[in-house]
Amino acid sequence: MSVIAQRRLEAFVGLMLSVIALGGALYTQQVMQWFPCPLCILQRYAYLLTALVFLMVVIQPNRRWLSVAGVLLAGSGAAAAFYHVWVLAHPMQTCGVDPLQLKLNALPWVSVWPDLFTSDGLCSDAYPPLLGMSLPAWSGLGLIVQCLLAVRLFSGFFRPSK
């Protein structure tokens, strides 16, 4: 397999991970009535933006800056996810209705797709675990995988071509 084809395949895996995560987020919100908090919305933004980055890598696999953007976006999303895990482990902490929630809900694209971007939950709400882990823990794990994929894509620029 050529280097370009492998880069595209790895980017496609990252893209599909974002699509699955966002689909799962919408499912838990619409079907299970688990409402997202501000930290959940930040994770959704990270998945949406990494999806765009990985899509651009699929289209143009020779852009090194896209890999760097993927690392930064996925890493930031993972930080939000693991902070969310920390909030769940410390119930006295909350991010509730705070300035972050107000600012996130005031962004212009929230009115375009309110189901995906409206924050109306509390960060300290503990929903039942999925396969033994909380949703923020799964989200953080997915974002770490995306971060590693982006690092691998970036490091591919320094490998000799076959």
C-alpha atoms as a PDB file:
ATOM      1  CA  MET A   1       0.000   0.000   0.000  1.00  0.00           C
ATOM      2  CA  SER A   2       1.394   3.389  -0.919  1.00  0.00           C
ATOM      3  CA  VAL A   3       2.092   6.040   1.698  1.00  0.00           C
ATOM      4  CA  ILE A   4      -0.686   8.263   0.308  1.00  0.00           C
ATOM      5  CA  ALA A   5      -3.208   5.405   0.412  1.00  0.00           C
ATOM      6  CA  GLN A   6      -2.227   4.549   3.978  1.00  0.00           C
ATOM      7  CA  ARG A   7      -2.544   8.193   5.033  1.00  0.00           C
ATOM      8  CA  ARG A   8      -6.010   8.339   3.473  1.00  0.00           C
ATOM      9  CA  LEU A   9      -7.057   5.116   5.209  1.00  0.00           C
ATOM     10  CA  GLU A  10      -5.885   6.365   8.614  1.00  0.00           C
ATOM     11  CA  ALA A  11      -7.662   9.685   8.072  1.00  0.00           C
ATOM     12  CA  PHE A  12     -10.823   7.822   7.050  1.00  0.00           C
ATOM     13  CA  VAL A  13     -10.679   5.833  10.311  1.00  0.00           C
ATOM     14  CA  GLY A  14     -10.413   9.130  12.239  1.00  0.00           C
ATOM     15  CA  LEU A  15     -13.316  10.560  10.264  1.00  0.00           C
ATOM     16  CA  MET A  16     -15.504   7.514  10.968  1.00  0.00           C
ATOM     17  CA  LEU A  17     -14.648   7.704  14.668  1.00  0.00           C
ATOM     18  CA  SER A  18     -15.970  11.280  14.705  1.00  0.00           C
ATOM     19  CA  VAL A  19     -19.133  10.318  12.835  1.00  0.00           C
ATOM     20  CA  ILE A  20     -19.816   7.430  15.221  1.00  0.00           C
ATOM     21  CA  ALA A  21     -19.164   9.601  18.300  1.00  0.00           C
ATOM     22  CA  LEU A  22     -21.438  12.403  17.072  1.00  0.00           C
ATOM     23  CA  GLY A  23     -24.125   9.898  16.094  1.00  0.00           C
ATOM     24  CA  GLY A  24     -23.897   8.316  19.541  1.00  0.00           C
ATOM     25  CA  ALA A  25     -24.142  11.741  21.178  1.00  0.00           C
ATOM     26  CA  LEU A  26     -27.300  12.536  19.233  1.00  0.00           C
ATOM     27  CA  TYR A  27     -28.740   9.106  20.055  1.00  0.00           C
ATOM     28  CA  THR A  28     -28.168   9.502  23.795  1.00  0.00           C
ATOM     29  CA  GLN A  29     -29.674  12.982  23.683  1.00  0.00           C
ATOM     30  CA  GLN A  30     -32.720  12.313  21.491  1.00  0.00           C
ATOM     31  CA  VAL A  31     -33.610   8.734  22.439  1.00  0.00           C
ATOM     32  CA  MET A  32     -32.281   8.330  25.965  1.00  0.00           C
ATOM     33  CA  GLN A  33     -32.953  11.953  26.986  1.00  0.00           C
ATOM     34  CA  TRP A  34     -29.438  12.473  28.369  1.00  0.00           C
ATOM     35  CA  PHE A  35     -28.973  16.204  27.955  1.00  0.00           C
ATOM     36  CA  PRO A  36     -25.499  17.576  27.170  1.00  0.00           C
ATOM     37  CA  CYS A  37     -23.659  19.932  29.472  1.00  0.00           C
ATOM     38  CA  PRO A  38     -21.150  22.591  28.338  1.00  0.00           C
ATOM     39  CA  LEU A  39     -18.258  20.120  28.553  1.00  0.00           C
ATOM     40  CA  CYS A  40     -20.218  17.650  26.392  1.00  0.00           C
ATOM     41  CA  ILE A  41     -20.740  20.363  23.805  1.00  0.00           C
ATOM     42  CA  LEU A  42     -17.008  21.166  23.794  1.00  0.00           C
ATOM     43  CA  GLN A  43     -16.316  17.496  23.103  1.00  0.00           C
ATOM     44  CA  ARG A  44     -18.872  17.547  20.268  1.00  0.00           C
ATOM     45  CA  TYR A  45     -17.101  20.545  18.755  1.00  0.00           C
ATOM     46  CA  ALA A  46     -13.805  18.679  18.986  1.00  0.00           C
ATOM     47  CA  TYR A  47     -15.300  15.676  17.194  1.00  0.00           C
ATOM     48  CA  LEU A  48     -16.893  17.859  14.530  1.00  0.00           C
ATOM     49  CA  LEU A  49     -13.680  19.790  13.882  1.00  0.00           C
ATOM     50  CA  THR A  50     -11.515  16.675  13.850  1.00  0.00           C
ATOM     51  CA  ALA A  51     -13.981  15.142  11.385  1.00  0.00           C
ATOM     52  CA  LEU A  52     -13.414  18.120   9.098  1.00  0.00           C
ATOM     53  CA  VAL A  53      -9.643  17.833   9.493  1.00  0.00           C
ATOM     54  CA  PHE A  54      -9.637  14.109   8.740  1.00  0.00           C
ATOM     55  CA  LEU A  55     -11.939  14.671   5.752  1.00  0.00           C
ATOM     56  CA  MET A  56      -9.500  17.257   4.416  1.00  0.00           C
ATOM     57  CA  VAL A  57      -6.641  14.770   4.903  1.00  0.00           C
ATOM     58  CA  VAL A  58      -8.607  12.173   2.929  1.00  0.00           C
ATOM     59  CA  ILE A  59      -8.997  14.723   0.130  1.00  0.00           C
ATOM     60  CA  GLN A  60      -5.474  16.202   0.327  1.00  0.00           C
ATOM     61  CA  PRO A  61      -3.172  13.815   2.211  1.00  0.00           C
ATOM     62  CA  ASN A  62       0.001  15.888   1.749  1.00  0.00           C
ATOM     63  CA  ARG A  63      -0.869  18.794   4.033  1.00  0.00           C
ATOM     64  CA  ARG A  64       1.253  18.567   7.193  1.00  0.00           C
ATOM     65  CA  TRP A  65      -0.575  21.403   8.948  1.00  0.00           C
ATOM     66  CA  LEU A  66      -3.801  19.348   8.889  1.00  0.00           C
ATOM     67  CA  SER A  67      -2.135  16.687  11.024  1.00  0.00           C
ATOM     68  CA  VAL A  68      -0.997  19.345  13.496  1.00  0.00           C
ATOM     69  CA  ALA A  69      -4.536  20.768  13.609  1.00  0.00           C
ATOM     70  CA  GLY A  70      -5.875  17.263  14.237  1.00  0.00           C
ATOM     71  CA  VAL A  71      -3.489  16.749  17.154  1.00  0.00           C
ATOM     72  CA  LEU A  72      -4.416  20.099  18.719  1.00  0.00           C
ATOM     73  CA  LEU A  73      -8.175  19.663  18.268  1.00  0.00           C
ATOM     74  CA  ALA A  74      -8.296  16.056  19.446  1.00  0.00           C
ATOM     75  CA  GLY A  75      -5.995  16.847  22.366  1.00  0.00           C
ATOM     76  CA  SER A  76      -8.163  19.786  23.420  1.00  0.00           C
ATOM     77  CA  GLY A  77     -11.296  17.671  23.191  1.00  0.00           C
ATOM     78  CA  ALA A  78      -9.651  14.911  25.239  1.00  0.00           C
ATOM     79  CA  ALA A  79      -8.704  17.475  27.890  1.00  0.00           C
ATOM     80  CA  ALA A  80     -12.359  18.591  28.105  1.00  0.00           C
ATOM     81  CA  ALA A  81     -13.485  14.962  28.294  1.00  0.00           C
ATOM     82  CA  PHE A  82     -11.087  14.016  31.062  1.00  0.00           C
ATOM     83  CA  TYR A  83     -11.913  17.197  32.984  1.00  0.00           C
ATOM     84  CA  HIS A  84     -15.539  16.082  32.673  1.00  0.00           C
ATOM     85  CA  VAL A  85     -14.558  12.678  34.106  1.00  0.00           C
ATOM     86  CA  TRP A  86     -12.911  14.525  37.004  1.00  0.00           C
ATOM     87  CA  VAL A  87     -16.086  16.575  37.601  1.00  0.00           C
ATOM     88  CA  LEU A  88     -18.112  13.355  37.730  1.00  0.00           C
ATOM     89  CA  ALA A  89     -15.653  11.890  40.251  1.00  0.00           C
ATOM     90  CA  HIS A  90     -15.968  15.007  42.429  1.00  0.00           C
ATOM     91  CA  PRO A  91     -19.725  15.665  42.717  1.00  0.00           C
ATOM     92  CA  MET A  92     -19.253  18.902  44.636  1.00  0.00           C
ATOM     93  CA  GLN A  93     -17.752  20.421  41.470  1.00  0.00           C
ATOM     94  CA  THR A  94     -20.079  21.580  38.754  1.00  0.00           C
ATOM     95  CA  CYS A  95     -20.011  23.607  35.603  1.00  0.00           C
ATOM     96  CA  GLY A  96     -23.845  23.972  35.629  1.00  0.00           C
ATOM     97  CA  VAL A  97     -25.439  27.068  34.159  1.00  0.00           C
ATOM     98  CA  ASP A  98     -22.357  29.180  33.950  1.00  0.00           C
ATOM     99  CA  PRO A  99     -20.873  31.727  31.565  1.00  0.00           C
ATOM    100  CA  LEU A 100     -19.467  28.900  29.404  1.00  0.00           C
ATOM    101  CA  GLN A 101     -22.941  27.472  28.848  1.00  0.00           C
ATOM    102  CA  LEU A 102     -24.367  30.900  28.035  1.00  0.00           C
ATOM    103  CA  LYS A 103     -21.556  31.631  25.562  1.00  0.00           C
ATOM    104  CA  LEU A 104     -21.841  28.231  23.882  1.00  0.00           C
ATOM    105  CA  ASN A 105     -25.604  28.565  23.481  1.00  0.00           C
ATOM    106  CA  ALA A 106     -25.215  32.068  22.027  1.00  0.00           C
ATOM    107  CA  LEU A 107     -23.027  30.942  19.098  1.00  0.00           C
ATOM    108  CA  PRO A 108     -24.766  31.562  15.757  1.00  0.00           C
ATOM    109  CA  TRP A 109     -24.730  27.957  14.498  1.00  0.00           C
ATOM    110  CA  VAL A 110     -26.600  26.738  17.584  1.00  0.00           C
ATOM    111  CA  SER A 111     -29.805  27.987  15.974  1.00  0.00           C
ATOM    112  CA  VAL A 112     -28.963  26.048  12.786  1.00  0.00           C
ATOM    113  CA  TRP A 113     -28.637  22.666  14.548  1.00  0.00           C
ATOM    114  CA  PRO A 114     -29.833  23.069  18.144  1.00  0.00           C
ATOM    115  CA  ASP A 115     -30.005  19.309  18.797  1.00  0.00           C
ATOM    116  CA  LEU A 116     -26.251  19.002  18.361  1.00  0.00           C
ATOM    117  CA  PHE A 117     -25.008  22.255  19.881  1.00  0.00           C
ATOM    118  CA  THR A 118     -27.411  23.366  22.653  1.00  0.00           C
ATOM    119  CA  SER A 119     -26.100  22.841  26.158  1.00  0.00           C
ATOM    120  CA  ASP A 120     -28.897  22.227  28.638  1.00  0.00           C
ATOM    121  CA  GLY A 121     -27.520  19.638  31.078  1.00  0.00           C
ATOM    122  CA  LEU A 122     -25.350  19.697  34.151  1.00  0.00           C
ATOM    123  CA  CYS A 123     -21.775  18.410  34.077  1.00  0.00           C
ATOM    124  CA  SER A 124     -22.276  16.675  37.398  1.00  0.00           C
ATOM    125  CA  ASP A 125     -25.252  14.599  36.156  1.00  0.00           C
ATOM    126  CA  ALA A 126     -24.067  11.005  36.293  1.00  0.00           C
ATOM    127  CA  TYR A 127     -25.768   8.837  33.694  1.00  0.00           C
ATOM    128  CA  PRO A 128     -25.489   5.048  33.744  1.00  0.00           C
ATOM    129  CA  PRO A 129     -22.140   3.759  32.479  1.00  0.00           C
ATOM    130  CA  LEU A 130     -21.791   2.228  29.045  1.00  0.00           C
ATOM    131  CA  LEU A 131     -19.771  -1.020  29.182  1.00  0.00           C
ATOM    132  CA  GLY A 132     -18.359   0.034  32.544  1.00  0.00           C
ATOM    133  CA  MET A 133     -17.251   3.559  31.600  1.00  0.00           C
ATOM    134  CA  SER A 134     -18.946   6.945  31.645  1.00  0.00           C
ATOM    135  CA  LEU A 135     -19.729   8.686  28.363  1.00  0.00           C
ATOM    136  CA  PRO A 136     -17.040  11.350  28.940  1.00  0.00           C
ATOM    137  CA  ALA A 137     -14.490   8.578  29.515  1.00  0.00           C
ATOM    138  CA  TRP A 138     -15.478   6.935  26.205  1.00  0.00           C
ATOM    139  CA  SER A 139     -15.347  10.313  24.507  1.00  0.00           C
ATOM    140  CA  GLY A 140     -11.891  11.010  25.903  1.00  0.00           C
ATOM    141  CA  LEU A 141     -10.698   7.594  24.771  1.00  0.00           C
ATOM    142  CA  GLY A 142     -12.003   8.229  21.245  1.00  0.00           C
ATOM    143  CA  LEU A 143     -10.326  11.630  21.129  1.00  0.00           C
ATOM    144  CA  ILE A 144      -7.032  10.127  22.339  1.00  0.00           C
ATOM    145  CA  VAL A 145      -7.248   7.582  19.490  1.00  0.00           C
ATOM    146  CA  GLN A 146      -7.846  10.461  17.065  1.00  0.00           C
ATOM    147  CA  CYS A 147      -4.905  12.354  18.539  1.00  0.00           C
ATOM    148  CA  LEU A 148      -2.673   9.307  18.059  1.00  0.00           C
ATOM    149  CA  LEU A 149      -3.918   8.914  14.482  1.00  0.00           C
ATOM    150  CA  ALA A 150      -3.089  12.556  13.791  1.00  0.00           C
ATOM    151  CA  VAL A 151       0.376  12.125  15.348  1.00  0.00           C
ATOM    152  CA  ARG A 152       0.898   9.065  13.148  1.00  0.00           C
ATOM    153  CA  LEU A 153      -0.198  11.035  10.095  1.00  0.00           C
ATOM    154  CA  PHE A 154       2.187  13.854  11.003  1.00  0.00           C
ATOM    155  CA  SER A 155       5.095  11.504  11.646  1.00  0.00           C
ATOM    156  CA  GLY A 156       4.439   9.927   8.229  1.00  0.00           C
ATOM    157  CA  PHE A 157       5.836  13.058   6.625  1.00  0.00           C
ATOM    158  CA  PHE A 158       9.252  12.168   8.006  1.00  0.00           C
ATOM    159  CA  ARG A 159       9.313   8.533   6.879  1.00  0.00           C
ATOM    160  CA  PRO A 160      11.027   7.717   3.619  1.00  0.00           C
ATOM    161  CA  SER A 161       8.643   7.016   0.752  1.00  0.00           C
ATOM    162  CA  LYS A 162       8.494   3.508  -0.617  1.00  0.00           C
END
